[in-house]
Amino acid sequence: MSAISSPSGDLSITGLPFTCKAQANGYDSVPAATVYFRDAASDVPNYVTGFVNQSTTDCWLREGGTTGSGGDLANHVDTGTTIYIQLSYFTA
C-alpha cells in the first residue's frame, strides 16, 4: 500500500477482469484465495482467506478462524503492508 487513511472493516479488491459465475447450488460465494499478509499494522491472530461473490468482480479478504464474520481485516493494513494473493474462481 502506498497511501491509506484510517482503514476499518472489510477489505476488498474490486474490478477483477472476469465476472464470477453464479453457482447452481445457491452458494453465495466460492472460497478461492490464498492470501499472505506481510508487515501488517497489527497482528492477524488467525489466517487470511478470500472469496469472490457470484455474479461480481469483487474479491473479499477476511480473517478466518473467528467466531464472527472476520470482516475487520482492513484494521490491520497500513502503508507498509504487502499483500500477496493467489486467486482462482469460475467465470461466467
N, C-alpha and C. Protein backbone atom coordinates (compact mmCIF):
# COMPACT_ATOMS: atom_id res chain seq x y z
N MET A 1 0.84 -1.17 0.00
CA MET A 1 0.00 0.00 0.00
C MET A 1 0.89 1.24 0.00
N SER A 2 0.55 2.19 -0.82
CA SER A 2 1.36 3.41 -0.87
C SER A 2 0.66 4.59 -0.21
N ALA A 3 -0.65 4.54 -0.09
CA ALA A 3 -1.40 5.61 0.59
C ALA A 3 -2.63 5.00 1.23
N ILE A 4 -2.93 5.46 2.44
CA ILE A 4 -4.08 4.90 3.15
C ILE A 4 -4.53 5.89 4.22
N SER A 5 -5.83 5.88 4.55
CA SER A 5 -6.34 6.81 5.53
C SER A 5 -7.39 6.13 6.41
N SER A 6 -7.05 5.82 7.64
CA SER A 6 -7.95 5.26 8.65
C SER A 6 -8.76 4.06 8.15
N PRO A 7 -8.09 2.99 7.75
CA PRO A 7 -8.84 1.83 7.27
C PRO A 7 -9.59 1.13 8.40
N SER A 8 -10.76 0.60 8.08
CA SER A 8 -11.51 -0.20 9.04
C SER A 8 -12.51 -1.06 8.28
N GLY A 9 -12.92 -2.16 8.90
CA GLY A 9 -13.94 -3.02 8.32
C GLY A 9 -13.42 -3.97 7.27
N ASP A 10 -14.26 -4.23 6.28
CA ASP A 10 -13.94 -5.18 5.22
C ASP A 10 -12.79 -4.70 4.36
N LEU A 11 -12.09 -5.66 3.77
CA LEU A 11 -11.02 -5.36 2.82
C LEU A 11 -11.38 -6.08 1.53
N SER A 12 -11.46 -5.34 0.44
CA SER A 12 -11.84 -5.95 -0.83
C SER A 12 -11.00 -5.43 -1.98
N ILE A 13 -10.99 -6.21 -3.03
CA ILE A 13 -10.36 -5.82 -4.29
C ILE A 13 -11.48 -5.83 -5.32
N THR A 14 -11.70 -4.72 -5.95
CA THR A 14 -12.78 -4.63 -6.92
C THR A 14 -12.22 -4.56 -8.33
N GLY A 15 -13.05 -4.87 -9.31
CA GLY A 15 -12.65 -4.75 -10.70
C GLY A 15 -11.80 -5.90 -11.21
N LEU A 16 -12.07 -7.14 -10.72
CA LEU A 16 -11.37 -8.29 -11.28
C LEU A 16 -11.68 -8.37 -12.78
N PRO A 17 -10.81 -8.99 -13.56
CA PRO A 17 -11.01 -8.95 -15.02
C PRO A 17 -12.21 -9.74 -15.53
N PHE A 18 -12.71 -10.69 -14.75
CA PHE A 18 -13.84 -11.51 -15.19
C PHE A 18 -14.88 -11.60 -14.09
N THR A 19 -16.14 -11.71 -14.46
CA THR A 19 -17.25 -11.86 -13.52
C THR A 19 -17.29 -13.30 -13.02
N CYS A 20 -17.49 -13.47 -11.73
CA CYS A 20 -17.59 -14.80 -11.13
C CYS A 20 -18.91 -15.44 -11.54
N LYS A 21 -18.85 -16.69 -11.90
CA LYS A 21 -20.02 -17.45 -12.33
C LYS A 21 -20.99 -17.64 -11.17
N ALA A 22 -22.28 -17.52 -11.44
CA ALA A 22 -23.32 -17.81 -10.44
C ALA A 22 -23.39 -19.33 -10.29
N GLN A 23 -23.38 -19.80 -9.06
CA GLN A 23 -23.37 -21.24 -8.78
C GLN A 23 -24.80 -21.79 -8.75
N ALA A 24 -25.01 -22.91 -9.39
CA ALA A 24 -26.33 -23.53 -9.46
C ALA A 24 -26.81 -24.03 -8.10
N ASN A 25 -25.89 -24.31 -7.18
CA ASN A 25 -26.28 -24.86 -5.88
C ASN A 25 -26.68 -23.78 -4.88
N GLY A 26 -26.64 -22.51 -5.27
CA GLY A 26 -27.12 -21.45 -4.41
C GLY A 26 -26.12 -20.85 -3.45
N TYR A 27 -24.88 -21.33 -3.44
CA TYR A 27 -23.88 -20.72 -2.55
C TYR A 27 -23.64 -19.28 -2.95
N ASP A 28 -23.47 -18.41 -1.98
CA ASP A 28 -23.24 -17.00 -2.24
C ASP A 28 -21.86 -16.74 -2.82
N SER A 29 -20.89 -17.56 -2.46
CA SER A 29 -19.51 -17.31 -2.88
C SER A 29 -18.73 -18.60 -2.95
N VAL A 30 -17.60 -18.54 -3.58
CA VAL A 30 -16.73 -19.69 -3.70
C VAL A 30 -15.38 -19.33 -3.06
N PRO A 31 -15.04 -19.89 -1.88
CA PRO A 31 -13.73 -19.60 -1.30
C PRO A 31 -12.64 -20.01 -2.28
N ALA A 32 -11.77 -19.07 -2.60
CA ALA A 32 -10.84 -19.36 -3.68
C ALA A 32 -9.48 -18.69 -3.56
N ALA A 33 -9.20 -17.98 -2.49
CA ALA A 33 -7.96 -17.22 -2.43
C ALA A 33 -7.03 -17.71 -1.34
N THR A 34 -5.75 -17.77 -1.68
CA THR A 34 -4.70 -17.96 -0.71
C THR A 34 -4.07 -16.60 -0.51
N VAL A 35 -3.98 -16.14 0.73
CA VAL A 35 -3.55 -14.77 0.99
C VAL A 35 -2.39 -14.79 2.00
N TYR A 36 -1.37 -13.99 1.71
CA TYR A 36 -0.24 -13.81 2.62
C TYR A 36 -0.11 -12.33 2.94
N PHE A 37 -0.20 -12.01 4.22
CA PHE A 37 -0.02 -10.63 4.71
C PHE A 37 1.39 -10.48 5.23
N ARG A 38 2.05 -9.40 4.88
CA ARG A 38 3.39 -9.14 5.41
C ARG A 38 3.44 -7.71 5.91
N ASP A 39 4.08 -7.51 7.06
CA ASP A 39 4.26 -6.18 7.65
C ASP A 39 2.92 -5.49 7.92
N ALA A 40 1.98 -6.26 8.50
CA ALA A 40 0.68 -5.70 8.84
C ALA A 40 0.83 -4.65 9.94
N ALA A 41 -0.15 -3.77 10.05
CA ALA A 41 -0.15 -2.73 11.08
C ALA A 41 -0.29 -3.32 12.48
N SER A 42 -0.96 -4.47 12.57
CA SER A 42 -1.13 -5.17 13.84
C SER A 42 -1.26 -6.66 13.55
N ASP A 43 -1.08 -7.48 14.58
CA ASP A 43 -1.14 -8.92 14.40
C ASP A 43 -2.49 -9.37 13.86
N VAL A 44 -2.44 -10.31 12.93
CA VAL A 44 -3.63 -11.01 12.47
C VAL A 44 -3.54 -12.39 13.13
N PRO A 45 -4.29 -12.61 14.22
CA PRO A 45 -4.10 -13.81 15.02
C PRO A 45 -4.50 -15.12 14.32
N ASN A 46 -5.28 -15.04 13.29
CA ASN A 46 -5.71 -16.23 12.56
C ASN A 46 -5.21 -16.15 11.13
N TYR A 47 -5.74 -16.96 10.27
CA TYR A 47 -5.34 -16.95 8.88
C TYR A 47 -6.19 -15.95 8.07
N VAL A 48 -5.71 -15.62 6.88
CA VAL A 48 -6.44 -14.72 5.99
C VAL A 48 -6.88 -15.54 4.78
N THR A 49 -8.11 -15.37 4.39
CA THR A 49 -8.66 -16.07 3.24
C THR A 49 -9.43 -15.08 2.36
N GLY A 50 -9.89 -15.52 1.23
CA GLY A 50 -10.63 -14.64 0.35
C GLY A 50 -11.66 -15.39 -0.46
N PHE A 51 -12.62 -14.67 -0.98
CA PHE A 51 -13.65 -15.27 -1.82
C PHE A 51 -14.17 -14.23 -2.80
N VAL A 52 -14.77 -14.71 -3.87
CA VAL A 52 -15.39 -13.84 -4.87
C VAL A 52 -16.87 -14.15 -4.86
N ASN A 53 -17.69 -13.14 -4.61
CA ASN A 53 -19.14 -13.35 -4.65
C ASN A 53 -19.59 -13.61 -6.07
N GLN A 54 -20.57 -14.50 -6.21
CA GLN A 54 -21.06 -14.85 -7.54
C GLN A 54 -21.66 -13.63 -8.24
N SER A 55 -21.49 -13.61 -9.55
CA SER A 55 -22.01 -12.55 -10.44
C SER A 55 -21.38 -11.19 -10.16
N THR A 56 -20.18 -11.16 -9.56
CA THR A 56 -19.48 -9.90 -9.31
C THR A 56 -18.04 -10.00 -9.79
N THR A 57 -17.34 -8.89 -9.72
CA THR A 57 -15.91 -8.84 -9.99
C THR A 57 -15.17 -8.37 -8.74
N ASP A 58 -15.68 -8.74 -7.56
CA ASP A 58 -15.13 -8.30 -6.28
C ASP A 58 -14.58 -9.47 -5.48
N CYS A 59 -13.37 -9.33 -4.98
CA CYS A 59 -12.76 -10.31 -4.10
C CYS A 59 -12.73 -9.73 -2.70
N TRP A 60 -13.28 -10.46 -1.75
CA TRP A 60 -13.33 -10.03 -0.35
C TRP A 60 -12.31 -10.81 0.44
N LEU A 61 -11.48 -10.11 1.20
CA LEU A 61 -10.50 -10.75 2.06
C LEU A 61 -11.00 -10.70 3.50
N ARG A 62 -10.89 -11.82 4.18
CA ARG A 62 -11.40 -11.93 5.54
C ARG A 62 -10.41 -12.65 6.43
N GLU A 63 -10.50 -12.36 7.72
CA GLU A 63 -9.75 -13.11 8.71
C GLU A 63 -10.54 -14.37 9.00
N GLY A 64 -9.92 -15.52 8.82
CA GLY A 64 -10.59 -16.79 9.06
C GLY A 64 -10.39 -17.26 10.48
N GLY A 65 -11.11 -18.31 10.85
CA GLY A 65 -10.95 -18.91 12.16
C GLY A 65 -11.51 -18.08 13.30
N THR A 66 -12.45 -17.19 13.01
CA THR A 66 -13.06 -16.37 14.06
C THR A 66 -14.50 -16.83 14.30
N THR A 67 -15.09 -16.37 15.37
CA THR A 67 -16.50 -16.68 15.64
C THR A 67 -17.43 -15.68 14.97
N GLY A 68 -16.87 -14.61 14.42
CA GLY A 68 -17.67 -13.60 13.72
C GLY A 68 -17.45 -13.70 12.22
N SER A 69 -17.71 -12.61 11.52
CA SER A 69 -17.60 -12.61 10.06
C SER A 69 -16.16 -12.50 9.58
N GLY A 70 -15.26 -12.03 10.44
CA GLY A 70 -13.88 -11.81 10.02
C GLY A 70 -13.72 -10.59 9.15
N GLY A 71 -14.76 -9.76 9.13
CA GLY A 71 -14.79 -8.59 8.25
C GLY A 71 -14.12 -7.36 8.80
N ASP A 72 -13.02 -7.52 9.53
CA ASP A 72 -12.32 -6.36 10.08
C ASP A 72 -10.86 -6.33 9.64
N LEU A 73 -10.57 -6.98 8.53
CA LEU A 73 -9.19 -7.11 8.09
C LEU A 73 -8.53 -5.79 7.72
N ALA A 74 -9.30 -4.82 7.26
CA ALA A 74 -8.73 -3.52 6.89
C ALA A 74 -8.07 -2.84 8.10
N ASN A 75 -8.51 -3.18 9.30
CA ASN A 75 -7.92 -2.61 10.51
C ASN A 75 -6.43 -2.95 10.64
N HIS A 76 -5.98 -4.01 9.97
CA HIS A 76 -4.60 -4.48 10.08
C HIS A 76 -3.69 -3.94 8.98
N VAL A 77 -4.20 -3.06 8.12
CA VAL A 77 -3.45 -2.59 6.96
C VAL A 77 -2.94 -1.17 7.17
N ASP A 78 -1.69 -0.95 6.79
CA ASP A 78 -1.16 0.41 6.74
C ASP A 78 -0.26 0.53 5.51
N THR A 79 0.45 1.64 5.38
CA THR A 79 1.22 1.87 4.16
C THR A 79 2.39 0.91 3.99
N GLY A 80 2.79 0.21 5.04
CA GLY A 80 3.88 -0.74 4.93
C GLY A 80 3.43 -2.16 4.67
N THR A 81 2.13 -2.40 4.58
CA THR A 81 1.60 -3.74 4.42
C THR A 81 1.72 -4.20 2.97
N THR A 82 2.21 -5.43 2.80
CA THR A 82 2.25 -6.06 1.49
C THR A 82 1.30 -7.24 1.53
N ILE A 83 0.49 -7.39 0.49
CA ILE A 83 -0.49 -8.48 0.42
C ILE A 83 -0.25 -9.27 -0.86
N TYR A 84 0.00 -10.56 -0.70
CA TYR A 84 0.15 -11.46 -1.85
C TYR A 84 -1.11 -12.31 -1.93
N ILE A 85 -1.68 -12.44 -3.13
CA ILE A 85 -2.92 -13.19 -3.30
C ILE A 85 -2.80 -14.14 -4.49
N GLN A 86 -3.18 -15.38 -4.26
CA GLN A 86 -3.34 -16.35 -5.35
C GLN A 86 -4.83 -16.63 -5.42
N LEU A 87 -5.44 -16.35 -6.55
CA LEU A 87 -6.91 -16.42 -6.66
C LEU A 87 -7.33 -17.26 -7.84
N SER A 88 -8.28 -18.16 -7.59
CA SER A 88 -8.90 -18.94 -8.64
C SER A 88 -10.40 -18.86 -8.45
N TYR A 89 -11.13 -18.70 -9.53
CA TYR A 89 -12.59 -18.70 -9.43
C TYR A 89 -13.17 -19.05 -10.80
N PHE A 90 -14.40 -19.55 -10.80
CA PHE A 90 -15.09 -19.88 -12.03
C PHE A 90 -15.70 -18.62 -12.63
N THR A 91 -15.53 -18.44 -13.92
CA THR A 91 -16.04 -17.24 -14.58
C THR A 91 -17.35 -17.51 -15.28
N ALA A 92 -18.09 -16.43 -15.47
CA ALA A 92 -19.42 -16.55 -16.12
C ALA A 92 -19.26 -16.79 -17.61
